[in-house]
Protein backbone atom coordinates (compact mmCIF):
# COMPACT_ATOMS: atom_id res chain seq x y z
CA MET A 1 116.32 71.53 75.53
CA ASN A 2 117.06 69.86 79.02
CA TRP A 3 119.90 67.39 78.70
CA HIS A 4 120.09 64.74 81.17
CA PRO A 5 123.19 65.46 83.28
CA ALA A 6 124.67 61.82 82.72
CA PHE A 7 125.01 62.79 78.88
CA GLN A 8 126.14 66.42 79.06
CA LEU A 9 129.51 66.60 77.48
CA GLY A 10 132.37 65.84 79.58
CA THR A 11 130.08 64.32 82.24
CA MET A 12 129.50 60.78 80.58
CA PRO A 13 131.15 58.08 82.86
CA MET A 14 133.74 55.86 81.47
CA LEU A 15 132.50 52.10 81.33
CA LYS A 16 134.40 49.04 80.54
CA TYR A 17 132.60 46.56 78.26
CA ARG A 18 133.18 42.93 78.24
CA SER A 19 132.64 42.73 74.53
CA THR A 20 131.87 44.74 71.37
CA ALA A 21 128.59 43.89 71.37
CA GLN A 22 127.89 44.69 74.75
CA ALA A 23 129.45 48.28 74.20
CA GLY A 24 127.31 48.29 71.20
CA TRP A 25 124.07 47.53 72.93
CA CYS A 26 124.90 50.11 75.85
CA LEU A 27 125.66 53.06 73.74
CA GLY A 28 122.26 52.14 71.70
CA VAL A 29 120.34 52.42 74.84
CA ALA A 30 122.15 55.73 75.85
CA ALA A 31 121.06 57.04 72.67
CA ILE A 32 117.48 56.40 73.06
CA CYS A 33 117.62 57.87 76.62
CA LEU A 34 119.22 60.98 75.20
CA VAL A 35 116.64 61.50 72.62
CA PHE A 36 113.81 61.10 75.00
CA THR A 37 115.18 63.13 77.58
CA ALA A 38 115.87 65.97 75.05
CA CYS A 39 112.17 65.79 74.04
CA THR A 40 110.86 65.87 77.34
CA PRO A 41 109.50 69.24 78.06
CA PRO A 42 110.41 70.70 81.44
CA THR A 43 108.33 70.30 84.26
CA PRO A 44 106.09 73.39 84.84
CA LEU A 45 106.64 75.49 88.09
CA ALA A 46 104.03 75.02 90.62
CA SER A 47 101.66 77.90 91.11
CA GLY A 48 103.12 80.69 93.01
CA THR A 49 106.76 79.22 92.72
CA ALA A 50 109.17 81.89 91.43
CA ASP A 51 111.43 81.22 88.35
CA THR A 52 114.83 81.61 89.27
CA SER A 53 116.31 81.10 86.12
CA SER A 54 116.20 84.94 85.03
CA ASN A 55 117.91 87.59 86.70
CA THR A 56 114.90 89.80 85.75
CA THR A 57 113.56 91.45 88.97
CA ASN A 58 109.79 92.95 88.78
CA SER A 59 109.52 96.65 89.22
CA LEU A 60 107.74 98.01 92.22
CA PRO A 61 103.91 98.11 92.06
CA PRO A 62 102.56 101.57 91.61
CA GLU A 63 101.45 101.70 95.27
CA SER A 64 104.80 101.33 96.55
CA GLU A 65 106.02 104.45 94.75
CA PRO A 66 106.46 107.05 97.46
CA ALA A 67 105.34 110.00 95.65
CA ASP A 68 102.55 111.43 93.39
CA VAL A 69 104.74 110.49 90.50
CA PRO A 70 103.95 107.85 88.00
CA THR A 71 105.94 104.83 87.29
CA THR A 72 108.23 104.97 84.14
CA ALA A 73 106.67 103.30 81.11
CA ARG A 74 108.26 99.95 79.86
CA SER A 75 110.19 100.51 76.53
CA ASP A 76 108.24 97.92 74.75
CA GLU A 77 104.84 99.77 75.56
CA SER A 78 103.14 101.11 72.41
CA ASP A 79 104.21 104.87 71.65
CA ASP A 80 100.53 105.60 70.85
CA THR A 81 98.92 108.54 72.34
CA PRO A 82 95.90 107.51 74.20
CA GLU A 83 92.67 109.48 73.02
CA PHE A 84 90.53 110.78 75.97
CA GLY A 85 86.93 112.19 75.44
CA PRO A 86 85.77 115.71 76.74
CA ALA A 87 85.06 116.28 80.45
CA PRO A 88 81.14 115.46 81.40
CA ALA A 89 79.07 118.45 81.12
CA GLY A 90 79.77 121.01 83.55
CA LYS A 91 82.55 119.00 85.12
CA VAL A 92 86.25 119.43 85.73
CA LEU A 93 88.92 117.02 87.07
CA ARG A 94 90.05 117.43 90.50
CA HIS A 95 93.39 115.45 91.52
CA ALA A 96 93.42 115.72 95.46
CA VAL A 97 96.95 114.82 96.64
CA PHE A 98 97.96 114.02 100.48
CA PHE A 99 101.41 113.78 102.08
CA SER A 100 103.14 112.94 105.19
CA PHE A 101 106.79 113.68 105.74
CA LYS A 102 109.52 111.79 107.38
CA ASP A 103 110.30 112.70 111.02
CA SER A 104 113.72 113.30 110.01
CA SER A 105 112.89 116.32 107.53
CA SER A 106 113.32 119.59 108.86
CA GLU A 107 110.44 122.39 108.37
CA ASP A 108 112.76 124.03 105.73
CA GLU A 109 112.90 120.72 103.85
CA ILE A 110 109.28 120.40 103.84
CA GLN A 111 108.76 123.97 102.89
CA GLN A 112 111.08 123.42 99.72
CA VAL A 113 108.72 120.48 98.91
CA VAL A 114 105.65 122.72 98.96
CA ASP A 115 107.28 125.55 97.28
CA ALA A 116 108.16 122.93 94.47
CA PHE A 117 104.75 121.87 93.98
CA ARG A 118 103.17 125.07 94.14
CA ASN A 119 105.66 126.12 91.20
CA LEU A 120 104.19 123.39 88.84
CA PRO A 121 101.05 125.49 87.38
CA LYS A 122 103.78 128.10 85.97
CA GLU A 123 105.58 125.25 84.14
CA ILE A 124 102.46 122.75 83.25
CA PRO A 125 99.72 124.70 81.83
CA GLU A 126 97.18 121.95 82.02
CA ILE A 127 96.78 122.58 85.60
CA ILE A 128 94.18 125.10 85.49
CA ASP A 129 93.65 125.77 89.53
CA PHE A 130 95.93 124.74 92.60
CA GLN A 131 95.13 124.84 96.05
CA TRP A 132 97.03 123.75 98.90
CA GLY A 133 97.05 123.67 102.85
CA VAL A 134 98.20 121.91 106.00
CA ASN A 135 95.60 119.73 107.91
CA ASN A 136 93.66 121.25 110.98
CA SER A 137 90.87 118.75 111.37
CA PRO A 138 89.78 118.32 114.98
CA GLU A 139 88.60 114.68 114.29
CA GLY A 140 91.60 112.92 114.27
CA LEU A 141 91.02 111.03 110.86
CA ASN A 142 93.69 111.82 108.73
CA ASP A 143 95.96 108.66 109.28
CA GLY A 144 98.91 110.84 109.77
CA LEU A 145 98.48 112.84 106.62
CA THR A 146 99.36 116.59 106.82
CA HIS A 147 99.71 118.64 103.73
CA CYS A 148 96.97 118.88 101.39
CA PHE A 149 96.96 119.75 97.58
CA LEU A 150 93.95 120.23 95.34
CA LEU A 151 94.91 120.40 91.57
CA THR A 152 92.28 120.74 88.74
CA PHE A 153 92.51 119.79 85.02
CA LYS A 154 89.97 120.86 82.09
CA ASP A 155 89.93 117.15 81.43
CA ALA A 156 91.59 113.64 81.57
CA ALA A 157 93.89 114.81 78.71
CA GLY A 158 95.14 117.23 81.01
CA ARG A 159 95.89 114.75 83.69
CA ALA A 160 97.50 112.68 81.20
CA ALA A 161 99.84 115.55 80.21
CA TYR A 162 100.71 116.36 83.59
CA LEU A 163 101.70 112.82 85.12
CA PRO A 164 104.85 112.19 82.78
CA HIS A 165 105.75 115.82 82.47
CA ASP A 166 109.41 116.44 83.06
CA ALA A 167 108.39 119.28 85.60
CA HIS A 168 106.57 116.77 87.54
CA LYS A 169 109.14 114.36 87.51
CA ALA A 170 111.69 116.94 88.67
CA PHE A 171 109.09 117.73 91.69
CA GLY A 172 109.02 114.02 92.56
CA ASP A 173 112.85 114.17 92.77
CA VAL A 174 112.43 117.02 95.65
CA LEU A 175 109.66 115.19 97.44
CA ARG A 176 111.04 111.63 97.37
CA PRO A 177 113.77 111.88 100.26
CA HIS A 178 111.21 113.37 102.51
CA ASN A 179 108.02 111.60 101.79
CA ASP A 180 106.58 109.12 104.21
CA LYS A 181 103.07 108.53 102.71
CA VAL A 182 101.06 109.48 99.90
CA PHE A 183 97.05 109.27 99.11
CA VAL A 184 95.62 110.40 95.88
CA VAL A 185 91.94 110.44 94.88
CA ASP A 186 90.96 111.82 91.63
CA TYR A 187 87.06 112.79 90.95
CA TRP A 188 85.06 114.88 88.53
CA GLY A 189 84.18 118.27 90.23
CA ASP A 190 81.83 121.17 89.52
CA ALA A 191 83.27 123.65 86.84
CA ASP A 192 81.15 126.48 87.83
CA ALA A 193 82.11 126.24 91.68
CA LYS A 194 82.99 129.86 92.67
CA PRO A 195 85.92 130.37 95.13
CA LEU A 196 85.13 131.65 98.74
CA GLU A 197 87.08 134.75 99.88
CA LYS A 198 87.98 132.62 102.88
CA GLU A 199 87.68 128.99 102.40
CA LEU A 200 88.26 126.16 105.06
CA LYS A 201 87.89 122.60 102.86
CA HIS A 202 86.71 119.73 104.81
CA ALA A 203 87.68 116.90 102.58
CA VAL A 204 85.84 113.61 103.41
CA PHE A 205 86.74 110.23 101.89
CA PHE A 206 85.10 106.79 102.34
CA ARG A 207 85.86 103.33 101.94
CA PHE A 208 83.13 101.18 101.87
CA LYS A 209 82.85 97.33 103.26
CA LYS A 210 83.22 94.84 100.53
CA ASP A 211 79.68 93.31 101.47
CA ALA A 212 77.97 96.92 101.20
CA ALA A 213 74.97 96.84 98.83
CA GLU A 214 75.08 99.17 95.71
CA ASP A 215 71.86 100.54 96.83
CA ALA A 216 73.02 101.22 100.59
CA VAL A 217 76.12 102.91 99.08
CA GLN A 218 73.65 105.29 96.92
CA LYS A 219 71.66 106.12 99.84
CA VAL A 220 74.83 107.49 101.69
CA GLU A 221 75.65 109.62 98.36
CA ALA A 222 72.12 110.99 98.49
CA ALA A 223 72.05 111.65 102.40
CA PHE A 224 75.40 113.54 102.10
CA ALA A 225 74.53 115.44 99.04
CA ALA A 226 71.22 116.82 100.90
CA LEU A 227 73.16 118.28 103.48
CA PRO A 228 73.90 121.54 102.18
CA GLU A 229 70.32 122.08 101.78
CA LYS A 230 69.77 121.37 105.52
CA ILE A 231 73.02 123.05 107.15
CA ASP A 232 73.46 126.63 106.20
CA THR A 233 77.10 127.05 107.29
CA ILE A 234 77.81 124.67 104.45
CA LYS A 235 79.02 127.38 101.82
CA ALA A 236 80.05 124.93 98.79
CA PHE A 237 80.00 121.27 98.30
CA GLU A 238 80.75 118.77 95.40
CA TRP A 239 81.62 115.02 95.44
CA GLY A 240 82.73 112.21 93.09
CA THR A 241 83.87 108.98 92.85
CA ASN A 242 87.69 108.01 92.42
CA ASN A 243 89.09 107.62 88.88
CA SER A 244 92.68 108.33 89.44
CA PRO A 245 95.02 105.91 87.36
CA GLU A 246 97.92 105.83 89.94
CA ARG A 247 96.64 103.55 92.55
CA HIS A 248 97.36 105.61 95.69
CA ALA A 249 93.78 105.65 96.87
CA GLN A 250 94.04 102.56 99.43
CA GLY A 251 90.69 101.40 98.70
CA PHE A 252 88.76 104.64 99.16
CA THR A 253 86.18 105.24 96.40
CA HIS A 254 84.45 108.31 97.17
CA CYS A 255 85.45 111.99 97.92
CA PHE A 256 83.02 114.55 99.47
CA MET A 257 84.52 118.22 99.63
CA VAL A 258 82.48 120.49 102.07
CA SER A 259 83.45 123.92 102.29
CA PHE A 260 83.07 126.48 105.25
CA ASP A 261 83.97 130.04 105.61
CA SER A 262 85.09 129.96 109.11
CA GLU A 263 85.92 127.51 112.07
CA ALA A 264 82.88 128.31 113.40
CA GLY A 265 80.77 127.21 110.58
CA ARG A 266 82.61 123.63 110.78
CA ALA A 267 81.84 123.68 114.74
CA ALA A 268 78.31 124.19 113.94
CA TYR A 269 78.07 121.48 111.02
CA LEU A 270 79.93 118.62 112.96
CA PRO A 271 77.54 118.25 115.73
CA HIS A 272 74.40 119.37 113.78
CA PRO A 273 71.37 116.92 114.15
CA ASP A 274 71.18 116.32 110.20
CA HIS A 275 74.95 115.42 110.01
CA GLU A 276 74.65 113.11 112.97
CA ALA A 277 71.59 111.47 111.26
CA PHE A 278 73.55 110.98 108.03
CA VAL A 279 76.41 109.51 110.15
CA GLU A 280 73.88 106.63 111.37
CA ILE A 281 73.08 106.20 107.72
CA LEU A 282 76.51 105.55 106.93
CA LYS A 283 77.78 103.60 109.72
CA PRO A 284 76.24 100.02 108.73
CA VAL A 285 78.16 100.22 105.37
CA LEU A 286 81.59 102.00 106.15
CA ASP A 287 84.82 100.29 106.46
CA ALA A 288 87.03 103.30 107.19
CA PRO A 289 86.74 107.20 106.74
CA ARG A 290 89.37 109.92 105.99
CA VAL A 291 89.21 113.41 106.81
CA LEU A 292 91.54 116.11 106.18
CA ASP A 293 90.54 119.95 106.67
CA PHE A 294 92.68 122.72 105.41
CA TRP A 295 92.60 126.61 105.00
CA VAL A 296 92.72 127.12 101.15
CA GLN A 297 96.17 128.79 99.83
CA ARG A 298 97.06 129.23 96.42
């Protein structure tokens, strides 16, 4: 109840009355005011106004987390284990993770992070493939990100086991003091993809304009998917749309993984007339691209 300040215990003013009747009348009025004030609901907060009556603070949103590590679940959430359906036919789940590191972090400290990440497949059996490398793209579209990691799970249940795994959380403790930025996109990749003996991955991500028409985006998808038939230096290709639950995608929705077997193959691809024609289809609907290339290491 909201008590009127004038009637809180110990704060009622001492009044002198000319008669008993007058005193009784005043006390009656006071009682009516007391009841009315107690029954009046508190004034609601205006929209967007913070309620400062509680000392509880909101936890940071997932996108403010500095690493590829999930936010700890609240204690009041259900303990029921979610159920996941099988992967789409012929697909596996790719988990593409990219980091930049603080200027204050030494090469040895960064290598410790890399080694800790590389060790996770030994501790988390749901990781069925692990690739990594350092960005070497000549295009300058990496937004400062330098280290690339591509994990594969059999299905969404595998990813769900990986994210809260103790070994993954321990890796986060190694990463967090050195991590500057993180970018994560998950997509369904091809289960039958065969690794190249020597593989230069060209990871391309698109964020489309908010007013981009669906059919225009589909035209981009089809045009990119047609490039392997037109440019023979493309040795492997897969693409998908982001389905990561982590909210580290920064609005990027589409991932295209193009593989070459040499830097010469990439050099032939970038200025290729068919690639340039694709770029012209892309430009009217593109908000931002992001590109990272890396030699695959395991």
